[in-house]
Amino acid sequence: MKMEKQSYVRIATELGCEAQRVLFLSDNVREVRAAREAGMRALIVERPGNAVVSEEDRKELGAVESLEEVEIR
């Protein structure tokens, strides 16, 4: 399930890297939360036509509308 931490742990393992080195972007708040629980950097991507993201989720999880807004360190 994409809404569960273990899914993202498995993804990092299959990529052969530590979870904290993965940047996960999604328009689904629950997916972003699960990825963060697995140790990934994760952001909400807000796009026209998708579910509205609450201000609380935006502040807690971070949100972008474009890849140009993403800082890669």
Protein backbone atom coordinates (compact mmCIF):
# COMPACT_ATOMS: atom_id res chain seq x y z
CA MET A 1 0.00 0.00 0.00
CA LYS A 2 1.34 3.41 -0.92
CA MET A 3 -0.09 4.88 2.27
CA GLU A 4 2.09 2.75 4.55
CA LYS A 5 5.60 3.45 5.82
CA GLN A 6 6.84 -0.02 4.86
CA SER A 7 6.16 0.66 1.17
CA TYR A 8 8.65 3.52 1.22
CA VAL A 9 11.21 1.59 3.25
CA ARG A 10 11.01 -1.09 0.53
CA ILE A 11 11.42 1.51 -2.23
CA ALA A 12 14.59 2.88 -0.63
CA THR A 13 15.94 -0.63 -0.17
CA GLU A 14 15.24 -1.49 -3.82
CA LEU A 15 16.96 1.74 -4.88
CA GLY A 16 19.95 0.67 -2.81
CA CYS A 17 20.12 3.87 -0.79
CA GLU A 18 19.22 5.26 2.58
CA ALA A 19 15.69 6.62 2.82
CA GLN A 20 16.88 10.10 3.82
CA ARG A 21 18.60 10.40 0.42
CA VAL A 22 15.27 10.00 -1.42
CA LEU A 23 13.06 12.95 -2.35
CA PHE A 24 9.46 11.83 -2.75
CA LEU A 25 6.88 14.13 -4.37
CA SER A 26 3.15 13.39 -4.39
CA ASP A 27 -0.20 15.11 -4.58
CA ASN A 28 -1.47 12.75 -1.87
CA VAL A 29 -1.01 13.92 1.74
CA ARG A 30 -1.21 10.38 3.13
CA GLU A 31 1.55 9.19 0.80
CA VAL A 32 3.75 12.12 1.80
CA ARG A 33 3.21 11.31 5.48
CA ALA A 34 4.07 7.63 4.96
CA ALA A 35 7.24 8.52 3.02
CA ARG A 36 8.31 10.88 5.79
CA GLU A 37 7.66 8.20 8.41
CA ALA A 38 10.06 6.00 6.42
CA GLY A 39 12.71 8.72 6.64
CA MET A 40 12.39 10.22 3.16
CA ARG A 41 12.28 13.87 2.31
CA ALA A 42 8.79 14.37 0.93
CA LEU A 43 6.67 17.26 -0.30
CA ILE A 44 3.11 17.74 -1.46
CA VAL A 45 2.76 18.77 -5.09
CA GLU A 46 -0.28 20.99 -5.59
CA ARG A 47 -1.74 20.75 -9.08
CA PRO A 48 -4.95 22.07 -10.62
CA GLY A 49 -7.74 19.53 -10.45
CA ASN A 50 -6.33 17.58 -7.50
CA ALA A 51 -7.69 17.43 -3.98
CA VAL A 52 -7.40 20.66 -2.03
CA VAL A 53 -4.55 20.62 0.50
CA SER A 54 -5.36 22.20 3.86
CA GLU A 55 -3.27 25.08 5.14
CA GLU A 56 -2.33 22.91 8.12
CA ASP A 57 -0.99 20.12 5.87
CA ARG A 58 0.79 22.66 3.69
CA LYS A 59 2.58 24.11 6.73
CA GLU A 60 3.36 20.74 8.30
CA LEU A 61 4.52 18.89 5.20
CA GLY A 62 5.58 21.60 2.78
CA ALA A 63 4.08 22.06 -0.66
CA VAL A 64 5.22 23.07 -4.12
CA GLU A 65 3.44 23.80 -7.38
CA SER A 66 6.50 23.37 -9.59
CA LEU A 67 9.81 21.48 -9.54
CA GLU A 68 11.48 24.88 -9.78
CA GLU A 69 10.45 25.37 -6.12
CA VAL A 70 12.21 22.21 -4.93
CA GLU A 71 15.57 22.69 -3.20
CA ILE A 72 17.89 19.73 -3.67
CA ARG A 73 20.71 19.52 -1.18
